[in-house]
Amino acid sequence: MKYPKSWKSHADQLDQLIERGLIVTNRARALDYLERIGYYRLSGYWFAFRQRSEPVYVLDEHGRKLKKVRVERLVFDDFLANSTFQNAVELYVFDKRLRLLVLDALERIEVALRTEIAHRLGQLDPFAYLKPELFHESFSVRLGHASGVTQQHDWIGKHARLIARSKEEFVRHNRNKYGLPLPIWVACEVWDFGTLSTLFNGMREADQDAIASRYGLSNGRVFATWLRSLNYLRNVCAHHSRLWNRNIVDQPKLPSASELEWVKPFVDNEYMRARCFLLLQITRHVLTVVNPRSSWPERIKTHLLSFPDLSHLGLDLGGMGVSEDWEADW
């Protein structure tokens, strides 16, 4: 199939943006951003500035609006009035700093949870991750329809590859002196967030509940969805993807507001549950247990308050799923 769009120089790309109504006050600087960051990456930020069709409503017999219909609004090439290239850059920089802050917190959470899971399972058996009887049957017994193997079998394969390609001295030392397999308290040091999240999801409910209780949750299956969401958040940030207004499709489960009061604004708000602020709240909650003295919550709050002034384009922290009174709850 022939691709319909032709290659464009950076100057041609900028001219196209100007033709579509994007205001460029410093052409040299705008070209520099296009050359260093790229048109496609920046387009994720100025996409929010593009004109859209009017929403569709259901009308009653008197012609009054009843509710908005859930249909895709058309997005046009032209930009909203007073949209500037610099607005897109400011939003890009805000998002970049947000991702770096999130990674800072997730690193500490990942290390703490690796240690906690390995400690819990290691108490049962040094090689617990190889023992089907120490996990839930949905993980260790039930065969996948497509793969024909258990989730545990698949997990062990991924785990073995992490061990095999590791260049860490502690892996070489333990492998040479004691052989394989590595005890879980050593092996866990090569896990990434996805590896630990998947293993936690396969643990027995009593073990899940015991770990979750440290974080104020009575149900370990809810906490398992939190870890899956934090892994998703980590991948978005690590791959430098746009975060601030991303739509979160695989959303974490929430406990009742009586168990954790801060979840109350999210429970009956579908939009807020599908935005990254919920994941920031979960990160804050978990980090507060992992490192109660961390300044991260305050640093995130300061950063959110630095959101660029884009009110002329109808954009604010609401695009992240932030409620109007978020500061009081934070």
C-alpha atoms as a PDB file:
ATOM      1  CA  MET A   1       0.000   0.000   0.000  1.00  0.00           C
ATOM      2  CA  LYS A   2       1.348   3.422  -0.913  1.00  0.00           C
ATOM      3  CA  TYR A   3       1.550   5.846   2.007  1.00  0.00           C
ATOM      4  CA  PRO A   4      -0.470   8.971   1.069  1.00  0.00           C
ATOM      5  CA  LYS A   5       1.606  11.591   2.924  1.00  0.00           C
ATOM      6  CA  SER A   6       4.887  12.920   1.573  1.00  0.00           C
ATOM      7  CA  TRP A   7       8.060  13.771   3.495  1.00  0.00           C
ATOM      8  CA  LYS A   8       8.252  17.382   4.678  1.00  0.00           C
ATOM      9  CA  SER A   9      11.231  19.406   5.821  1.00  0.00           C
ATOM     10  CA  HIS A  10      11.049  21.063   9.243  1.00  0.00           C
ATOM     11  CA  ALA A  11      10.435  24.393   7.522  1.00  0.00           C
ATOM     12  CA  ASP A  12       7.562  22.879   5.502  1.00  0.00           C
ATOM     13  CA  GLN A  13       6.108  21.372   8.669  1.00  0.00           C
ATOM     14  CA  LEU A  14       6.159  24.753  10.371  1.00  0.00           C
ATOM     15  CA  ASP A  15       4.591  26.457   7.346  1.00  0.00           C
ATOM     16  CA  GLN A  16       1.781  23.899   7.407  1.00  0.00           C
ATOM     17  CA  LEU A  17       1.094  24.627  11.074  1.00  0.00           C
ATOM     18  CA  ILE A  18       1.012  28.370  10.365  1.00  0.00           C
ATOM     19  CA  GLU A  19      -1.395  27.827   7.457  1.00  0.00           C
ATOM     20  CA  ARG A  20      -3.708  25.969   9.821  1.00  0.00           C
ATOM     21  CA  GLY A  21      -3.789  28.875  12.252  1.00  0.00           C
ATOM     22  CA  LEU A  22      -1.064  28.086  14.799  1.00  0.00           C
ATOM     23  CA  ILE A  23       0.638  31.332  15.819  1.00  0.00           C
ATOM     24  CA  VAL A  24       4.441  31.272  15.642  1.00  0.00           C
ATOM     25  CA  THR A  25       6.133  34.334  17.136  1.00  0.00           C
ATOM     26  CA  ASN A  26       9.715  33.074  16.879  1.00  0.00           C
ATOM     27  CA  ARG A  27      10.300  31.018  13.744  1.00  0.00           C
ATOM     28  CA  ALA A  28      13.923  30.109  14.525  1.00  0.00           C
ATOM     29  CA  ARG A  29      13.026  28.807  17.975  1.00  0.00           C
ATOM     30  CA  ALA A  30      10.042  26.860  16.642  1.00  0.00           C
ATOM     31  CA  LEU A  31      12.261  25.209  14.019  1.00  0.00           C
ATOM     32  CA  ASP A  32      14.732  24.301  16.740  1.00  0.00           C
ATOM     33  CA  TYR A  33      11.993  22.535  18.718  1.00  0.00           C
ATOM     34  CA  LEU A  34      10.814  20.653  15.623  1.00  0.00           C
ATOM     35  CA  GLU A  35      14.365  19.514  14.920  1.00  0.00           C
ATOM     36  CA  ARG A  36      15.075  18.401  18.507  1.00  0.00           C
ATOM     37  CA  ILE A  37      11.697  17.026  19.606  1.00  0.00           C
ATOM     38  CA  GLY A  38       9.946  16.181  16.361  1.00  0.00           C
ATOM     39  CA  TYR A  39       6.666  17.142  14.748  1.00  0.00           C
ATOM     40  CA  TYR A  40       4.897  13.927  15.676  1.00  0.00           C
ATOM     41  CA  ARG A  41       5.737  14.060  19.388  1.00  0.00           C
ATOM     42  CA  LEU A  42       4.755  17.725  19.682  1.00  0.00           C
ATOM     43  CA  SER A  43       1.547  17.083  17.742  1.00  0.00           C
ATOM     44  CA  GLY A  44       0.239  15.140  20.753  1.00  0.00           C
ATOM     45  CA  TYR A  45       0.214  18.433  22.645  1.00  0.00           C
ATOM     46  CA  TRP A  46      -1.143  20.821  20.032  1.00  0.00           C
ATOM     47  CA  PHE A  47      -3.825  18.238  19.169  1.00  0.00           C
ATOM     48  CA  ALA A  48      -5.754  19.681  22.127  1.00  0.00           C
ATOM     49  CA  PHE A  49      -5.719  23.081  20.371  1.00  0.00           C
ATOM     50  CA  ARG A  50      -7.440  21.861  17.193  1.00  0.00           C
ATOM     51  CA  GLN A  51     -11.011  22.770  16.326  1.00  0.00           C
ATOM     52  CA  ARG A  52     -13.716  20.189  16.919  1.00  0.00           C
ATOM     53  CA  SER A  53     -17.269  19.680  15.809  1.00  0.00           C
ATOM     54  CA  GLU A  54     -20.047  20.577  18.221  1.00  0.00           C
ATOM     55  CA  PRO A  55     -21.176  17.811  20.614  1.00  0.00           C
ATOM     56  CA  VAL A  56     -24.372  15.951  19.750  1.00  0.00           C
ATOM     57  CA  TYR A  57     -27.306  16.079  22.195  1.00  0.00           C
ATOM     58  CA  VAL A  58     -30.548  14.162  22.582  1.00  0.00           C
ATOM     59  CA  LEU A  59     -33.482  16.606  22.502  1.00  0.00           C
ATOM     60  CA  ASP A  60     -36.874  16.253  24.119  1.00  0.00           C
ATOM     61  CA  GLU A  61     -40.171  17.014  22.365  1.00  0.00           C
ATOM     62  CA  HIS A  62     -39.745  20.717  23.145  1.00  0.00           C
ATOM     63  CA  GLY A  63     -36.264  20.877  21.606  1.00  0.00           C
ATOM     64  CA  ARG A  64     -34.488  21.063  24.958  1.00  0.00           C
ATOM     65  CA  LYS A  65     -31.170  19.283  25.474  1.00  0.00           C
ATOM     66  CA  LEU A  66     -31.458  16.149  27.585  1.00  0.00           C
ATOM     67  CA  LYS A  67     -27.989  14.664  27.476  1.00  0.00           C
ATOM     68  CA  LYS A  68     -24.837  14.508  25.396  1.00  0.00           C
ATOM     69  CA  VAL A  69     -24.591  11.553  23.021  1.00  0.00           C
ATOM     70  CA  ARG A  70     -21.424   9.456  23.287  1.00  0.00           C
ATOM     71  CA  VAL A  71     -20.185   9.836  19.722  1.00  0.00           C
ATOM     72  CA  GLU A  72     -16.781  10.827  18.400  1.00  0.00           C
ATOM     73  CA  ARG A  73     -16.546  14.542  17.740  1.00  0.00           C
ATOM     74  CA  LEU A  74     -14.795  15.392  14.493  1.00  0.00           C
ATOM     75  CA  VAL A  75     -11.352  16.939  14.882  1.00  0.00           C
ATOM     76  CA  PHE A  76     -10.353  19.398  12.177  1.00  0.00           C
ATOM     77  CA  ASP A  77      -6.903  20.440  10.956  1.00  0.00           C
ATOM     78  CA  ASP A  78      -7.383  24.108  11.820  1.00  0.00           C
ATOM     79  CA  PHE A  79      -6.444  25.418  15.255  1.00  0.00           C
ATOM     80  CA  LEU A  80      -8.553  27.316  17.749  1.00  0.00           C
ATOM     81  CA  ALA A  81      -8.117  31.090  17.753  1.00  0.00           C
ATOM     82  CA  ASN A  82      -5.038  32.334  19.646  1.00  0.00           C
ATOM     83  CA  SER A  83      -3.338  28.930  19.706  1.00  0.00           C
ATOM     84  CA  THR A  84       0.435  29.369  19.713  1.00  0.00           C
ATOM     85  CA  PHE A  85       3.381  27.090  19.088  1.00  0.00           C
ATOM     86  CA  GLN A  86       4.761  28.207  22.447  1.00  0.00           C
ATOM     87  CA  ASN A  87       1.570  26.962  24.155  1.00  0.00           C
ATOM     88  CA  ALA A  88       2.328  23.466  22.842  1.00  0.00           C
ATOM     89  CA  VAL A  89       5.940  23.682  24.028  1.00  0.00           C
ATOM     90  CA  GLU A  90       4.853  24.793  27.513  1.00  0.00           C
ATOM     91  CA  LEU A  91       2.437  21.863  27.721  1.00  0.00           C
ATOM     92  CA  TYR A  92       5.163  19.495  26.510  1.00  0.00           C
ATOM     93  CA  VAL A  93       7.625  20.761  29.153  1.00  0.00           C
ATOM     94  CA  PHE A  94       4.971  20.493  31.893  1.00  0.00           C
ATOM     95  CA  ASP A  95       4.270  16.894  30.863  1.00  0.00           C
ATOM     96  CA  LYS A  96       7.968  16.021  30.700  1.00  0.00           C
ATOM     97  CA  ARG A  97       8.568  17.263  34.244  1.00  0.00           C
ATOM     98  CA  LEU A  98       5.447  15.438  35.420  1.00  0.00           C
ATOM     99  CA  ARG A  99       6.767  12.150  34.019  1.00  0.00           C
ATOM    100  CA  LEU A 100      10.156  12.627  35.690  1.00  0.00           C
ATOM    101  CA  LEU A 101       8.485  13.260  39.038  1.00  0.00           C
ATOM    102  CA  VAL A 102       6.313  10.169  38.629  1.00  0.00           C
ATOM    103  CA  LEU A 103       9.322   7.988  37.786  1.00  0.00           C
ATOM    104  CA  ASP A 104      11.055   9.231  40.925  1.00  0.00           C
ATOM    105  CA  ALA A 105       8.181   7.951  43.073  1.00  0.00           C
ATOM    106  CA  LEU A 106       7.686   4.711  41.152  1.00  0.00           C
ATOM    107  CA  GLU A 107      11.342   3.764  41.543  1.00  0.00           C
ATOM    108  CA  ARG A 108      10.971   3.807  45.325  1.00  0.00           C
ATOM    109  CA  ILE A 109       7.655   1.947  45.190  1.00  0.00           C
ATOM    110  CA  GLU A 110       9.068  -0.714  42.861  1.00  0.00           C
ATOM    111  CA  VAL A 111      12.100  -1.399  45.056  1.00  0.00           C
ATOM    112  CA  ALA A 112       9.984  -1.579  48.218  1.00  0.00           C
ATOM    113  CA  LEU A 113       7.397  -3.921  46.705  1.00  0.00           C
ATOM    114  CA  ARG A 114      10.043  -6.219  45.225  1.00  0.00           C
ATOM    115  CA  THR A 115      11.520  -6.596  48.692  1.00  0.00           C
ATOM    116  CA  GLU A 116       8.137  -7.071  50.351  1.00  0.00           C
ATOM    117  CA  ILE A 117       6.874  -9.711  47.909  1.00  0.00           C
ATOM    118  CA  ALA A 118      10.167 -11.613  47.990  1.00  0.00           C
ATOM    119  CA  HIS A 119      10.238 -11.508  51.796  1.00  0.00           C
ATOM    120  CA  ARG A 120       6.684 -12.836  52.061  1.00  0.00           C
ATOM    121  CA  LEU A 121       7.199 -15.672  49.571  1.00  0.00           C
ATOM    122  CA  GLY A 122      10.765 -16.414  50.690  1.00  0.00           C
ATOM    123  CA  GLN A 123       9.456 -17.183  54.171  1.00  0.00           C
ATOM    124  CA  LEU A 124       7.453 -20.001  52.587  1.00  0.00           C
ATOM    125  CA  ASP A 125      10.264 -21.328  50.383  1.00  0.00           C
ATOM    126  CA  PRO A 126      13.545 -19.874  49.040  1.00  0.00           C
ATOM    127  CA  PHE A 127      12.403 -20.908  45.558  1.00  0.00           C
ATOM    128  CA  ALA A 128       8.723 -20.089  46.057  1.00  0.00           C
ATOM    129  CA  TYR A 129       8.326 -18.639  42.572  1.00  0.00           C
ATOM    130  CA  LEU A 130       8.849 -22.175  41.155  1.00  0.00           C
ATOM    131  CA  LYS A 131       6.229 -23.803  43.431  1.00  0.00           C
ATOM    132  CA  PRO A 132       2.700 -23.977  41.946  1.00  0.00           C
ATOM    133  CA  GLU A 133       1.184 -24.886  45.305  1.00  0.00           C
ATOM    134  CA  LEU A 134       2.205 -21.505  46.732  1.00  0.00           C
ATOM    135  CA  PHE A 135       0.094 -19.560  44.214  1.00  0.00           C
ATOM    136  CA  HIS A 136      -3.535 -19.201  43.265  1.00  0.00           C
ATOM    137  CA  GLU A 137      -4.751 -21.945  40.933  1.00  0.00           C
ATOM    138  CA  SER A 138      -5.786 -19.410  38.287  1.00  0.00           C
ATOM    139  CA  PHE A 139      -2.086 -18.555  38.026  1.00  0.00           C
ATOM    140  CA  SER A 140      -0.421 -21.909  38.644  1.00  0.00           C
ATOM    141  CA  VAL A 141      -2.883 -24.566  37.423  1.00  0.00           C
ATOM    142  CA  ARG A 142      -5.267 -23.150  34.829  1.00  0.00           C
ATOM    143  CA  LEU A 143      -3.968 -23.357  31.273  1.00  0.00           C
ATOM    144  CA  GLY A 144      -4.247 -20.401  28.930  1.00  0.00           C
ATOM    145  CA  HIS A 145      -6.511 -20.953  25.901  1.00  0.00           C
ATOM    146  CA  ALA A 146      -4.007 -19.501  23.450  1.00  0.00           C
ATOM    147  CA  SER A 147      -0.678 -20.495  25.034  1.00  0.00           C
ATOM    148  CA  GLY A 148      -1.595 -23.900  26.460  1.00  0.00           C
ATOM    149  CA  VAL A 149       0.540 -23.199  29.539  1.00  0.00           C
ATOM    150  CA  THR A 150      -0.133 -21.658  32.933  1.00  0.00           C
ATOM    151  CA  GLN A 151       0.523 -18.016  33.704  1.00  0.00           C
ATOM    152  CA  GLN A 152       3.163 -19.171  36.169  1.00  0.00           C
ATOM    153  CA  HIS A 153       4.942 -21.138  33.452  1.00  0.00           C
ATOM    154  CA  ASP A 154       4.944 -18.069  31.235  1.00  0.00           C
ATOM    155  CA  TRP A 155       6.143 -15.883  34.134  1.00  0.00           C
ATOM    156  CA  ILE A 156       9.025 -18.247  34.913  1.00  0.00           C
ATOM    157  CA  GLY A 157      10.142 -18.065  31.276  1.00  0.00           C
ATOM    158  CA  LYS A 158      10.256 -14.257  31.382  1.00  0.00           C
ATOM    159  CA  HIS A 159      11.968 -14.367  34.770  1.00  0.00           C
ATOM    160  CA  ALA A 160      14.625 -16.783  33.434  1.00  0.00           C
ATOM    161  CA  ARG A 161      15.359 -14.432  30.530  1.00  0.00           C
ATOM    162  CA  LEU A 162      15.876 -11.535  32.953  1.00  0.00           C
ATOM    163  CA  ILE A 163      18.379 -13.677  34.906  1.00  0.00           C
ATOM    164  CA  ALA A 164      20.142 -14.861  31.743  1.00  0.00           C
ATOM    165  CA  ARG A 165      20.749 -11.388  30.334  1.00  0.00           C
ATOM    166  CA  SER A 166      21.611  -9.710  33.646  1.00  0.00           C
ATOM    167  CA  LYS A 167      25.163  -8.332  33.896  1.00  0.00           C
ATOM    168  CA  GLU A 168      24.897  -7.674  37.625  1.00  0.00           C
ATOM    169  CA  GLU A 169      27.792  -8.913  39.743  1.00  0.00           C
ATOM    170  CA  PHE A 170      25.492 -10.362  42.420  1.00  0.00           C
ATOM    171  CA  VAL A 171      23.799 -12.558  39.797  1.00  0.00           C
ATOM    172  CA  ARG A 172      27.142 -13.833  38.481  1.00  0.00           C
ATOM    173  CA  HIS A 173      28.397 -14.477  42.028  1.00  0.00           C
ATOM    174  CA  ASN A 174      25.320 -16.425  43.159  1.00  0.00           C
ATOM    175  CA  ARG A 175      25.106 -18.381  39.918  1.00  0.00           C
ATOM    176  CA  ASN A 176      28.788 -19.386  40.039  1.00  0.00           C
ATOM    177  CA  LYS A 177      28.908 -20.173  43.768  1.00  0.00           C
ATOM    178  CA  TYR A 178      25.482 -21.714  44.388  1.00  0.00           C
ATOM    179  CA  GLY A 179      24.116 -22.423  40.906  1.00  0.00           C
ATOM    180  CA  LEU A 180      20.584 -21.964  39.653  1.00  0.00           C
ATOM    181  CA  PRO A 181      17.825 -21.328  40.563  1.00  0.00           C
ATOM    182  CA  LEU A 182      18.493 -18.181  42.547  1.00  0.00           C
ATOM    183  CA  PRO A 183      16.631 -17.750  45.851  1.00  0.00           C
ATOM    184  CA  ILE A 184      13.790 -15.324  45.561  1.00  0.00           C
ATOM    185  CA  TRP A 185      15.439 -12.638  47.711  1.00  0.00           C
ATOM    186  CA  VAL A 186      18.292 -12.520  45.169  1.00  0.00           C
ATOM    187  CA  ALA A 187      16.235 -13.120  42.027  1.00  0.00           C
ATOM    188  CA  CYS A 188      13.793 -10.308  42.834  1.00  0.00           C
ATOM    189  CA  GLU A 189      16.538  -7.736  42.217  1.00  0.00           C
ATOM    190  CA  VAL A 190      16.292  -8.300  38.448  1.00  0.00           C
ATOM    191  CA  TRP A 191      12.505  -7.938  38.325  1.00  0.00           C
ATOM    192  CA  ASP A 192      10.937  -4.962  36.608  1.00  0.00           C
ATOM    193  CA  PHE A 193       7.598  -3.496  37.666  1.00  0.00           C
ATOM    194  CA  GLY A 194       5.678  -5.705  35.254  1.00  0.00           C
ATOM    195  CA  THR A 195       7.328  -8.857  36.608  1.00  0.00           C
ATOM    196  CA  LEU A 196       6.500  -8.070  40.226  1.00  0.00           C
ATOM    197  CA  SER A 197       2.979  -6.925  39.334  1.00  0.00           C
ATOM    198  CA  THR A 198       2.231 -10.170  37.494  1.00  0.00           C
ATOM    199  CA  LEU A 199       3.635 -12.314  40.302  1.00  0.00           C
ATOM    200  CA  PHE A 200       1.624 -10.450  42.937  1.00  0.00           C
ATOM    201  CA  ASN A 201      -1.502 -10.936  40.862  1.00  0.00           C
ATOM    202  CA  GLY A 202      -0.891 -14.702  40.968  1.00  0.00           C
ATOM    203  CA  MET A 203      -0.310 -14.969  44.719  1.00  0.00           C
ATOM    204  CA  ARG A 204      -2.764 -16.644  47.051  1.00  0.00           C
ATOM    205  CA  GLU A 205      -5.425 -14.334  48.392  1.00  0.00           C
ATOM    206  CA  ALA A 206      -4.231 -14.569  51.995  1.00  0.00           C
ATOM    207  CA  ASP A 207      -0.732 -13.469  50.945  1.00  0.00           C
ATOM    208  CA  GLN A 208      -2.130 -10.664  48.797  1.00  0.00           C
ATOM    209  CA  ASP A 209      -4.330  -9.459  51.638  1.00  0.00           C
ATOM    210  CA  ALA A 210      -1.432  -9.481  54.087  1.00  0.00           C
ATOM    211  CA  ILE A 211       0.635  -7.178  51.861  1.00  0.00           C
ATOM    212  CA  ALA A 212      -2.326  -4.994  50.861  1.00  0.00           C
ATOM    213  CA  SER A 213      -3.243  -4.428  54.510  1.00  0.00           C
ATOM    214  CA  ARG A 214      -0.024  -2.448  54.975  1.00  0.00           C
ATOM    215  CA  TYR A 215      -1.385   0.013  52.434  1.00  0.00           C
ATOM    216  CA  GLY A 216      -4.788   0.391  54.043  1.00  0.00           C
ATOM    217  CA  LEU A 217      -6.592  -2.054  51.755  1.00  0.00           C
ATOM    218  CA  SER A 218      -8.418  -5.118  53.007  1.00  0.00           C
ATOM    219  CA  ASN A 219      -8.687  -6.694  49.543  1.00  0.00           C
ATOM    220  CA  GLY A 220      -5.450  -7.793  47.889  1.00  0.00           C
ATOM    221  CA  ARG A 221      -7.181  -8.192  44.511  1.00  0.00           C
ATOM    222  CA  VAL A 222      -7.884  -4.452  44.505  1.00  0.00           C
ATOM    223  CA  PHE A 223      -4.236  -3.814  45.323  1.00  0.00           C
ATOM    224  CA  ALA A 224      -3.246  -6.105  42.431  1.00  0.00           C
ATOM    225  CA  THR A 225      -5.095  -3.792  40.022  1.00  0.00           C
ATOM    226  CA  TRP A 226      -3.261  -0.848  41.579  1.00  0.00           C
ATOM    227  CA  LEU A 227       0.083  -2.469  40.830  1.00  0.00           C
ATOM    228  CA  ARG A 228      -0.992  -3.213  37.264  1.00  0.00           C
ATOM    229  CA  SER A 229      -1.982   0.437  36.826  1.00  0.00           C
ATOM    230  CA  LEU A 230       1.277   1.676  38.346  1.00  0.00           C
ATOM    231  CA  ASN A 231       3.153  -0.580  35.922  1.00  0.00           C
ATOM    232  CA  TYR A 232       1.191   1.009  33.071  1.00  0.00           C
ATOM    233  CA  LEU A 233       2.020   4.455  34.450  1.00  0.00           C
ATOM    234  CA  ARG A 234       5.693   3.516  34.689  1.00  0.00           C
ATOM    235  CA  ASN A 235       5.735   2.345  31.046  1.00  0.00           C
ATOM    236  CA  VAL A 236       4.103   5.565  29.830  1.00  0.00           C
ATOM    237  CA  CYS A 237       6.705   7.640  31.657  1.00  0.00           C
ATOM    238  CA  ALA A 238       9.701   5.460  30.779  1.00  0.00           C
ATOM    239  CA  HIS A 239       8.845   5.608  27.070  1.00  0.00           C
ATOM    240  CA  HIS A 240       8.425   9.410  27.188  1.00  0.00           C
ATOM    241  CA  SER A 241       4.783   9.201  26.132  1.00  0.00           C
ATOM    242  CA  ARG A 242       2.208  11.922  26.713  1.00  0.00           C
ATOM    243  CA  LEU A 243       0.675  11.588  30.180  1.00  0.00           C
ATOM    244  CA  TRP A 244      -1.216  14.692  31.300  1.00  0.00           C
ATOM    245  CA  ASN A 245      -4.521  14.038  29.456  1.00  0.00           C
ATOM    246  CA  ARG A 246      -4.066  10.381  28.531  1.00  0.00           C
ATOM    247  CA  ASN A 247      -7.180   8.209  28.562  1.00  0.00           C
ATOM    248  CA  ILE A 248      -6.638   5.297  30.982  1.00  0.00           C
ATOM    249  CA  VAL A 249      -8.502   2.327  29.504  1.00  0.00           C
ATOM    250  CA  ASP A 250      -7.481  -0.386  32.000  1.00  0.00           C
ATOM    251  CA  GLN A 251      -8.544   1.362  35.184  1.00  0.00           C
ATOM    252  CA  PRO A 252      -7.691   0.231  38.720  1.00  0.00           C
ATOM    253  CA  LYS A 253     -10.411  -0.967  41.062  1.00  0.00           C
ATOM    254  CA  LEU A 254     -11.213   1.221  44.040  1.00  0.00           C
ATOM    255  CA  PRO A 255     -12.084   0.326  47.621  1.00  0.00           C
ATOM    256  CA  SER A 256     -15.089   1.907  49.261  1.00  0.00           C
ATOM    257  CA  ALA A 257     -14.828   5.510  50.425  1.00  0.00           C
ATOM    258  CA  SER A 258     -15.331   4.238  53.972  1.00  0.00           C
ATOM    259  CA  GLU A 259     -12.040   2.363  53.679  1.00  0.00           C
ATOM    260  CA  LEU A 260     -10.096   5.143  51.929  1.00  0.00           C
ATOM    261  CA  GLU A 261     -11.791   8.531  52.031  1.00  0.00           C
ATOM    262  CA  TRP A 262      -9.758  10.094  49.210  1.00  0.00           C
ATOM    263  CA  VAL A 263     -11.330   7.785  46.590  1.00  0.00           C
ATOM    264  CA  LYS A 264     -14.769   9.362  47.071  1.00  0.00           C
ATOM    265  CA  PRO A 265     -14.561  11.904  44.179  1.00  0.00           C
ATOM    266  CA  PHE A 266     -13.592   9.109  41.765  1.00  0.00           C
ATOM    267  CA  VAL A 267     -16.197   6.483  42.632  1.00  0.00           C
ATOM    268  CA  ASP A 268     -19.106   7.914  40.628  1.00  0.00           C
ATOM    269  CA  ASN A 269     -17.092   9.960  38.141  1.00  0.00           C
ATOM    270  CA  GLU A 270     -16.271   7.972  35.023  1.00  0.00           C
ATOM    271  CA  TYR A 271     -14.183  10.775  33.516  1.00  0.00           C
ATOM    272  CA  MET A 272     -11.960  11.194  36.582  1.00  0.00           C
ATOM    273  CA  ARG A 273     -11.347   7.445  36.778  1.00  0.00           C
ATOM    274  CA  ALA A 274     -10.090   7.515  33.191  1.00  0.00           C
ATOM    275  CA  ARG A 275      -7.447  10.227  33.768  1.00  0.00           C
ATOM    276  CA  CYS A 276      -3.968  10.126  35.220  1.00  0.00           C
ATOM    277  CA  PHE A 277      -4.729  12.076  38.404  1.00  0.00           C
ATOM    278  CA  LEU A 278      -6.239   8.923  39.903  1.00  0.00           C
ATOM    279  CA  LEU A 279      -2.923   7.138  39.284  1.00  0.00           C
ATOM    280  CA  LEU A 280      -1.077  10.054  40.891  1.00  0.00           C
ATOM    281  CA  GLN A 281      -3.314   9.690  43.935  1.00  0.00           C
ATOM    282  CA  ILE A 282      -2.563   5.965  44.105  1.00  0.00           C
ATOM    283  CA  THR A 283       1.154   6.706  43.762  1.00  0.00           C
ATOM    284  CA  ARG A 284       0.956   9.243  46.578  1.00  0.00           C
ATOM    285  CA  HIS A 285      -0.968   6.820  48.794  1.00  0.00           C
ATOM    286  CA  VAL A 286       1.480   3.926  48.296  1.00  0.00           C
ATOM    287  CA  LEU A 287       4.556   6.139  48.601  1.00  0.00           C
ATOM    288  CA  THR A 288       3.284   7.567  51.879  1.00  0.00           C
ATOM    289  CA  VAL A 289       3.499   4.039  53.316  1.00  0.00           C
ATOM    290  CA  VAL A 290       6.820   3.208  51.629  1.00  0.00           C
ATOM    291  CA  ASN A 291       8.474   6.509  52.567  1.00  0.00           C
ATOM    292  CA  PRO A 292       6.377   8.639  54.947  1.00  0.00           C
ATOM    293  CA  ARG A 293       8.982  11.413  55.021  1.00  0.00           C
ATOM    294  CA  SER A 294       9.128  11.835  51.251  1.00  0.00           C
ATOM    295  CA  SER A 295       8.696  15.354  49.887  1.00  0.00           C
ATOM    296  CA  TRP A 296       7.236  13.930  46.678  1.00  0.00           C
ATOM    297  CA  PRO A 297       3.563  14.776  47.408  1.00  0.00           C
ATOM    298  CA  GLU A 298       4.470  18.409  47.952  1.00  0.00           C
ATOM    299  CA  ARG A 299       6.667  18.486  44.847  1.00  0.00           C
ATOM    300  CA  ILE A 300       3.876  17.067  42.718  1.00  0.00           C
ATOM    301  CA  LYS A 301       1.416  19.567  44.158  1.00  0.00           C
ATOM    302  CA  THR A 302       3.789  22.444  43.349  1.00  0.00           C
ATOM    303  CA  HIS A 303       4.201  21.127  39.819  1.00  0.00           C
ATOM    304  CA  LEU A 304       0.464  20.775  39.201  1.00  0.00           C
ATOM    305  CA  LEU A 305      -0.012  24.367  40.325  1.00  0.00           C
ATOM    306  CA  SER A 306       2.514  25.386  37.647  1.00  0.00           C
ATOM    307  CA  PHE A 307       0.234  24.155  34.835  1.00  0.00           C
ATOM    308  CA  PRO A 308       0.585  26.646  31.966  1.00  0.00           C
ATOM    309  CA  ASP A 309      -2.158  29.231  31.510  1.00  0.00           C
ATOM    310  CA  LEU A 310      -4.153  27.790  28.618  1.00  0.00           C
ATOM    311  CA  SER A 311      -7.557  29.034  29.733  1.00  0.00           C
ATOM    312  CA  HIS A 312      -7.971  30.812  26.366  1.00  0.00           C
ATOM    313  CA  LEU A 313      -8.018  27.313  24.821  1.00  0.00           C
ATOM    314  CA  GLY A 314     -10.311  25.829  27.473  1.00  0.00           C
ATOM    315  CA  LEU A 315      -7.527  23.722  28.976  1.00  0.00           C
ATOM    316  CA  ASP A 316      -6.650  23.329  32.649  1.00  0.00           C
ATOM    317  CA  LEU A 317      -5.914  20.616  35.209  1.00  0.00           C
ATOM    318  CA  GLY A 318      -9.394  19.234  34.582  1.00  0.00           C
ATOM    319  CA  GLY A 319      -7.895  17.445  31.579  1.00  0.00           C
ATOM    320  CA  MET A 320      -5.939  15.331  34.055  1.00  0.00           C
ATOM    321  CA  GLY A 321      -9.053  14.430  36.029  1.00  0.00           C
ATOM    322  CA  VAL A 322      -8.285  16.913  38.801  1.00  0.00           C
ATOM    323  CA  SER A 323     -11.286  18.084  40.792  1.00  0.00           C
ATOM    324  CA  GLU A 324     -11.766  21.735  41.747  1.00  0.00           C
ATOM    325  CA  ASP A 325     -11.023  21.095  45.436  1.00  0.00           C
ATOM    326  CA  TRP A 326      -8.127  18.698  44.827  1.00  0.00           C
ATOM    327  CA  GLU A 327      -5.680  20.675  46.977  1.00  0.00           C
ATOM    328  CA  ALA A 328      -7.707  20.051  50.134  1.00  0.00           C
ATOM    329  CA  ASP A 329      -7.853  16.302  49.464  1.00  0.00           C
ATOM    330  CA  TRP A 330      -4.201  16.047  48.433  1.00  0.00           C
END
